[in-house]
Amino acid sequence: MEHTVDEKYFIDFTSKKLTIVDRDTGELKELELFDCILGGTAGKTM
């Protein structure tokens, strides 16, 4: 994939959901999590 450094964001949902516990009720809640990464070039200095 070719692109200019800092030109694009790459966004994707993770495959697993996170589970948290509501402190007040003890209810388990599932959360969707997504990653957002600003594109860059590995090994090059800007």
PDB file of N, CA and C in Angstrom:
ATOM      1  N   MET A   1       0.842  -1.161   0.000  1.00  0.00           N
ATOM      2  CA  MET A   1       0.000   0.000   0.000  1.00  0.00           C
ATOM      3  C   MET A   1       0.899   1.239   0.000  1.00  0.00           C
ATOM      4  N   GLU A   2       0.784   2.069  -0.988  1.00  0.00           N
ATOM      5  CA  GLU A   2       1.604   3.273  -1.056  1.00  0.00           C
ATOM      6  C   GLU A   2       0.768   4.499  -0.711  1.00  0.00           C
ATOM      7  N   HIS A   3       1.364   5.403   0.068  1.00  0.00           N
ATOM      8  CA  HIS A   3       0.699   6.644   0.438  1.00  0.00           C
ATOM      9  C   HIS A   3       1.747   7.612   0.959  1.00  0.00           C
ATOM     10  N   THR A   4       1.394   8.889   0.980  1.00  0.00           N
ATOM     11  CA  THR A   4       2.270   9.909   1.530  1.00  0.00           C
ATOM     12  C   THR A   4       2.168   9.866   3.051  1.00  0.00           C
ATOM     13  N   VAL A   5       3.304  10.097   3.733  1.00  0.00           N
ATOM     14  CA  VAL A   5       3.314  10.094   5.196  1.00  0.00           C
ATOM     15  C   VAL A   5       2.297  11.105   5.710  1.00  0.00           C
ATOM     16  N   ASP A   6       1.520  10.716   6.711  1.00  0.00           N
ATOM     17  CA  ASP A   6       0.486  11.550   7.347  1.00  0.00           C
ATOM     18  C   ASP A   6      -0.672  11.911   6.418  1.00  0.00           C
ATOM     19  N   GLU A   7      -0.836  11.189   5.333  1.00  0.00           N
ATOM     20  CA  GLU A   7      -1.897  11.497   4.374  1.00  0.00           C
ATOM     21  C   GLU A   7      -3.221  10.808   4.736  1.00  0.00           C
ATOM     22  N   LYS A   8      -3.147   9.615   5.316  1.00  0.00           N
ATOM     23  CA  LYS A   8      -4.352   8.825   5.536  1.00  0.00           C
ATOM     24  C   LYS A   8      -4.381   8.237   6.945  1.00  0.00           C
ATOM     25  N   TYR A   9      -5.600   8.041   7.444  1.00  0.00           N
ATOM     26  CA  TYR A   9      -5.826   7.264   8.662  1.00  0.00           C
ATOM     27  C   TYR A   9      -6.307   5.881   8.244  1.00  0.00           C
ATOM     28  N   PHE A  10      -5.873   4.880   8.962  1.00  0.00           N
ATOM     29  CA  PHE A  10      -6.328   3.514   8.713  1.00  0.00           C
ATOM     30  C   PHE A  10      -7.137   3.088   9.929  1.00  0.00           C
ATOM     31  N   ILE A  11      -8.406   2.761   9.721  1.00  0.00           N
ATOM     32  CA  ILE A  11      -9.335   2.472  10.809  1.00  0.00           C
ATOM     33  C   ILE A  11      -9.910   1.075  10.636  1.00  0.00           C
ATOM     34  N   ASP A  12      -9.984   0.335  11.752  1.00  0.00           N
ATOM     35  CA  ASP A  12     -10.543  -1.012  11.699  1.00  0.00           C
ATOM     36  C   ASP A  12     -11.039  -1.390  13.093  1.00  0.00           C
ATOM     37  N   PHE A  13     -12.097  -2.174  13.151  1.00  0.00           N
ATOM     38  CA  PHE A  13     -12.582  -2.709  14.424  1.00  0.00           C
ATOM     39  C   PHE A  13     -11.751  -3.916  14.807  1.00  0.00           C
ATOM     40  N   THR A  14     -11.531  -4.091  16.114  1.00  0.00           N
ATOM     41  CA  THR A  14     -10.847  -5.292  16.582  1.00  0.00           C
ATOM     42  C   THR A  14     -11.812  -6.463  16.478  1.00  0.00           C
ATOM     43  N   SER A  15     -11.287  -7.654  16.452  1.00  0.00           N
ATOM     44  CA  SER A  15     -12.145  -8.826  16.284  1.00  0.00           C
ATOM     45  C   SER A  15     -12.865  -9.220  17.573  1.00  0.00           C
ATOM     46  N   LYS A  16     -12.290  -8.880  18.723  1.00  0.00           N
ATOM     47  CA  LYS A  16     -12.902  -9.252  19.999  1.00  0.00           C
ATOM     48  C   LYS A  16     -13.473  -8.019  20.691  1.00  0.00           C
ATOM     49  N   LYS A  17     -14.530  -8.224  21.473  1.00  0.00           N
ATOM     50  CA  LYS A  17     -15.105  -7.145  22.268  1.00  0.00           C
ATOM     51  C   LYS A  17     -14.483  -7.164  23.660  1.00  0.00           C
ATOM     52  N   LEU A  18     -14.385  -5.996  24.280  1.00  0.00           N
ATOM     53  CA  LEU A  18     -13.919  -5.898  25.657  1.00  0.00           C
ATOM     54  C   LEU A  18     -15.112  -6.017  26.583  1.00  0.00           C
ATOM     55  N   THR A  19     -14.906  -6.609  27.733  1.00  0.00           N
ATOM     56  CA  THR A  19     -15.963  -6.714  28.737  1.00  0.00           C
ATOM     57  C   THR A  19     -15.560  -5.916  29.961  1.00  0.00           C
ATOM     58  N   ILE A  20     -16.457  -5.037  30.418  1.00  0.00           N
ATOM     59  CA  ILE A  20     -16.205  -4.272  31.627  1.00  0.00           C
ATOM     60  C   ILE A  20     -17.331  -4.547  32.621  1.00  0.00           C
ATOM     61  N   VAL A  21     -17.062  -4.245  33.879  1.00  0.00           N
ATOM     62  CA  VAL A  21     -18.054  -4.440  34.941  1.00  0.00           C
ATOM     63  C   VAL A  21     -18.516  -3.071  35.424  1.00  0.00           C
ATOM     64  N   ASP A  22     -19.825  -2.842  35.418  1.00  0.00           N
ATOM     65  CA  ASP A  22     -20.398  -1.614  35.963  1.00  0.00           C
ATOM     66  C   ASP A  22     -20.229  -1.662  37.486  1.00  0.00           C
ATOM     67  N   ARG A  23     -19.518  -0.706  38.054  1.00  0.00           N
ATOM     68  CA  ARG A  23     -19.223  -0.721  39.494  1.00  0.00           C
ATOM     69  C   ARG A  23     -20.479  -0.617  40.345  1.00  0.00           C
ATOM     70  N   ASP A  24     -21.484   0.089  39.857  1.00  0.00           N
ATOM     71  CA  ASP A  24     -22.700   0.298  40.643  1.00  0.00           C
ATOM     72  C   ASP A  24     -23.623  -0.920  40.645  1.00  0.00           C
ATOM     73  N   THR A  25     -23.753  -1.568  39.484  1.00  0.00           N
ATOM     74  CA  THR A  25     -24.729  -2.650  39.357  1.00  0.00           C
ATOM     75  C   THR A  25     -24.108  -4.044  39.278  1.00  0.00           C
ATOM     76  N   GLY A  26     -22.812  -4.114  38.957  1.00  0.00           N
ATOM     77  CA  GLY A  26     -22.161  -5.408  38.769  1.00  0.00           C
ATOM     78  C   GLY A  26     -22.451  -6.015  37.401  1.00  0.00           C
ATOM     79  N   GLU A  27     -23.208  -5.289  36.579  1.00  0.00           N
ATOM     80  CA  GLU A  27     -23.572  -5.770  35.241  1.00  0.00           C
ATOM     81  C   GLU A  27     -22.339  -5.800  34.337  1.00  0.00           C
ATOM     82  N   LEU A  28     -22.225  -6.882  33.551  1.00  0.00           N
ATOM     83  CA  LEU A  28     -21.155  -6.976  32.557  1.00  0.00           C
ATOM     84  C   LEU A  28     -21.620  -6.283  31.284  1.00  0.00           C
ATOM     85  N   LYS A  29     -20.743  -5.467  30.723  1.00  0.00           N
ATOM     86  CA  LYS A  29     -21.063  -4.760  29.478  1.00  0.00           C
ATOM     87  C   LYS A  29     -19.969  -5.032  28.463  1.00  0.00           C
ATOM     88  N   GLU A  30     -20.372  -5.308  27.221  1.00  0.00           N
ATOM     89  CA  GLU A  30     -19.414  -5.531  26.140  1.00  0.00           C
ATOM     90  C   GLU A  30     -19.231  -4.238  25.356  1.00  0.00           C
ATOM     91  N   LEU A  31     -17.979  -3.954  24.996  1.00  0.00           N
ATOM     92  CA  LEU A  31     -17.656  -2.749  24.263  1.00  0.00           C
ATOM     93  C   LEU A  31     -16.994  -3.089  22.943  1.00  0.00           C
ATOM     94  N   GLU A  32     -17.353  -2.340  21.908  1.00  0.00           N
ATOM     95  CA  GLU A  32     -16.650  -2.432  20.631  1.00  0.00           C
ATOM     96  C   GLU A  32     -15.406  -1.565  20.740  1.00  0.00           C
ATOM     97  N   LEU A  33     -14.318  -1.999  20.141  1.00  0.00           N
ATOM     98  CA  LEU A  33     -13.074  -1.248  20.161  1.00  0.00           C
ATOM     99  C   LEU A  33     -12.580  -1.120  18.731  1.00  0.00           C
ATOM    100  N   PHE A  34     -12.132   0.077  18.376  1.00  0.00           N
ATOM    101  CA  PHE A  34     -11.556   0.221  17.053  1.00  0.00           C
ATOM    102  C   PHE A  34     -10.185   0.867  17.136  1.00  0.00           C
ATOM    103  N   ASP A  35      -9.359   0.549  16.138  1.00  0.00           N
ATOM    104  CA  ASP A  35      -8.009   1.101  16.031  1.00  0.00           C
ATOM    105  C   ASP A  35      -8.014   2.176  14.964  1.00  0.00           C
ATOM    106  N   CYS A  36      -7.288   3.233  15.222  1.00  0.00           N
ATOM    107  CA  CYS A  36      -7.116   4.295  14.234  1.00  0.00           C
ATOM    108  C   CYS A  36      -5.639   4.656  14.223  1.00  0.00           C
ATOM    109  N   ILE A  37      -4.989   4.464  13.087  1.00  0.00           N
ATOM    110  CA  ILE A  37      -3.559   4.678  12.986  1.00  0.00           C
ATOM    111  C   ILE A  37      -3.284   5.667  11.856  1.00  0.00           C
ATOM    112  N   LEU A  38      -2.455   6.655  12.162  1.00  0.00           N
ATOM    113  CA  LEU A  38      -2.035   7.612  11.140  1.00  0.00           C
ATOM    114  C   LEU A  38      -0.922   6.977  10.343  1.00  0.00           C
ATOM    115  N   GLY A  39      -1.116   6.895   9.031  1.00  0.00           N
ATOM    116  CA  GLY A  39      -0.148   6.237   8.167  1.00  0.00           C
ATOM    117  C   GLY A  39       1.205   6.924   8.185  1.00  0.00           C
ATOM    118  N   GLY A  40       2.242   6.139   8.132  1.00  0.00           N
ATOM    119  CA  GLY A  40       3.607   6.651   8.110  1.00  0.00           C
ATOM    120  C   GLY A  40       4.508   5.692   7.377  1.00  0.00           C
ATOM    121  N   THR A  41       5.781   5.987   7.347  1.00  0.00           N
ATOM    122  CA  THR A  41       6.721   5.126   6.679  1.00  0.00           C
ATOM    123  C   THR A  41       7.727   4.618   7.705  1.00  0.00           C
ATOM    124  N   ALA A  42       7.773   3.328   7.880  1.00  0.00           N
ATOM    125  CA  ALA A  42       8.669   2.724   8.882  1.00  0.00           C
ATOM    126  C   ALA A  42      10.126   3.000   8.532  1.00  0.00           C
ATOM    127  N   GLY A  43      10.880   3.402   9.537  1.00  0.00           N
ATOM    128  CA  GLY A  43      12.316   3.561   9.352  1.00  0.00           C
ATOM    129  C   GLY A  43      12.760   4.885   8.743  1.00  0.00           C
ATOM    130  N   LYS A  44      11.845   5.781   8.419  1.00  0.00           N
ATOM    131  CA  LYS A  44      12.218   7.062   7.837  1.00  0.00           C
ATOM    132  C   LYS A  44      11.948   8.182   8.818  1.00  0.00           C
ATOM    133  N   THR A  45      12.809   9.155   8.846  1.00  0.00           N
ATOM    134  CA  THR A  45      12.649  10.301   9.736  1.00  0.00           C
ATOM    135  C   THR A  45      11.922  11.404   9.000  1.00  0.00           C
ATOM    136  N   MET A  46      10.983  12.030   9.706  1.00  0.00           N
ATOM    137  CA  MET A  46      10.243  13.126   9.072  1.00  0.00           C
ATOM    138  C   MET A  46      10.887  14.444   9.418  1.00  0.00           C
TER     139      MET A  46
END
